[in-house]
């Protein structure tokens, strides 16, 4: 089965995901983020009222974690260490 991708704004027809990726990679960062958000939303669209609840829950979570860091209740872990730990858990 051949996939057809059409980007009408540019008048391009792309025949495979690699071509879409190549074209999207040329966009400015903010536009790439927007494309990613649209693709993710297309996989699992949420009604607006659910999204508001999710956003509120994330704000509360960020506030809680930030407070824990400020109070010295938790120690931050460098990203490189997290990556190394994650890689060591692969089968």
Protein backbone atom coordinates (compact mmCIF):
# COMPACT_ATOMS: atom_id res chain seq x y z
CA UNK A 1 0.00 0.00 0.00
CA UNK A 2 1.51 3.31 -1.06
CA UNK A 3 0.89 6.29 1.17
CA UNK A 4 0.18 9.66 -0.40
CA UNK A 5 0.87 12.80 1.56
CA UNK A 6 -0.25 16.13 0.24
CA UNK A 7 0.88 19.49 1.50
CA UNK A 8 -1.36 21.81 -0.46
CA UNK A 9 0.15 25.03 0.92
CA UNK A 10 3.41 24.23 -0.87
CA UNK A 11 1.80 22.35 -3.74
CA UNK A 12 3.87 19.26 -2.95
CA UNK A 13 2.81 15.64 -3.01
CA UNK A 14 4.93 13.42 -0.81
CA UNK A 15 4.92 9.70 -1.32
CA UNK A 16 6.30 8.50 2.01
CA UNK A 17 6.83 9.51 5.62
CA UNK A 18 10.56 10.11 5.03
CA UNK A 19 9.71 12.83 2.50
CA UNK A 20 7.32 14.41 5.00
CA UNK A 21 10.03 14.30 7.65
CA UNK A 22 12.59 15.86 5.30
CA UNK A 23 10.22 18.72 4.46
CA UNK A 24 9.14 19.26 8.07
CA UNK A 25 12.77 19.31 9.20
CA UNK A 26 13.28 22.44 7.13
CA UNK A 27 10.62 24.38 9.04
CA UNK A 28 11.50 26.79 11.84
CA UNK A 29 11.46 25.19 15.29
CA UNK A 30 8.12 26.72 16.34
CA UNK A 31 6.46 25.36 13.18
CA UNK A 32 7.96 21.89 13.75
CA UNK A 33 6.54 21.90 17.28
CA UNK A 34 3.15 22.88 15.87
CA UNK A 35 3.29 20.00 13.34
CA UNK A 36 4.18 17.57 16.13
CA UNK A 37 1.31 18.81 18.28
CA UNK A 38 -1.13 18.43 15.39
CA UNK A 39 0.08 14.90 14.66
CA UNK A 40 -0.18 13.88 18.31
CA UNK A 41 -3.66 15.34 18.54
CA UNK A 42 -4.69 13.41 15.46
CA UNK A 43 -3.78 10.17 17.26
CA UNK A 44 -5.79 10.85 20.39
CA UNK A 45 -8.01 13.90 20.10
CA UNK A 46 -9.45 15.10 23.40
CA UNK A 47 -12.51 17.24 23.91
CA UNK A 48 -11.68 20.78 25.04
CA UNK A 49 -13.13 20.26 28.52
CA UNK A 50 -10.90 17.21 29.07
CA UNK A 51 -7.86 19.14 27.89
CA UNK A 52 -8.55 21.91 30.38
CA UNK A 53 -8.56 19.32 33.18
CA UNK A 54 -5.33 17.79 31.90
CA UNK A 55 -3.68 21.22 31.70
CA UNK A 56 -4.76 22.04 35.25
CA UNK A 57 -3.44 18.71 36.55
CA UNK A 58 -0.07 19.30 34.86
CA UNK A 59 0.17 22.83 36.28
CA UNK A 60 -0.47 21.44 39.76
CA UNK A 61 2.10 18.69 39.24
CA UNK A 62 4.73 21.18 38.06
CA UNK A 63 3.96 23.46 41.02
CA UNK A 64 4.27 20.52 43.47
CA UNK A 65 7.55 19.30 42.00
CA UNK A 66 8.97 22.81 41.88
CA UNK A 67 8.09 23.24 45.55
CA UNK A 68 9.79 19.95 46.43
CA UNK A 69 12.95 21.12 44.69
CA UNK A 70 12.82 24.53 46.39
CA UNK A 71 12.38 22.94 49.82
CA UNK A 72 15.23 20.48 49.21
CA UNK A 73 12.90 17.48 49.49
CA UNK A 74 14.24 16.02 46.25
CA UNK A 75 17.52 16.27 44.38
CA UNK A 76 17.55 17.04 40.67
CA UNK A 77 19.11 14.40 38.42
CA UNK A 78 21.21 15.56 35.44
CA UNK A 79 19.66 14.67 32.07
CA UNK A 80 22.77 12.73 30.98
CA UNK A 81 22.41 10.51 34.05
CA UNK A 82 18.72 9.89 33.31
CA UNK A 83 19.59 8.95 29.73
CA UNK A 84 22.34 6.60 30.87
CA UNK A 85 20.02 4.92 33.40
CA UNK A 86 17.27 4.54 30.82
CA UNK A 87 19.69 3.00 28.34
CA UNK A 88 20.95 0.48 30.90
CA UNK A 89 17.40 -0.87 31.37
CA UNK A 90 17.04 -1.98 27.76
CA UNK A 91 16.79 -5.74 27.19
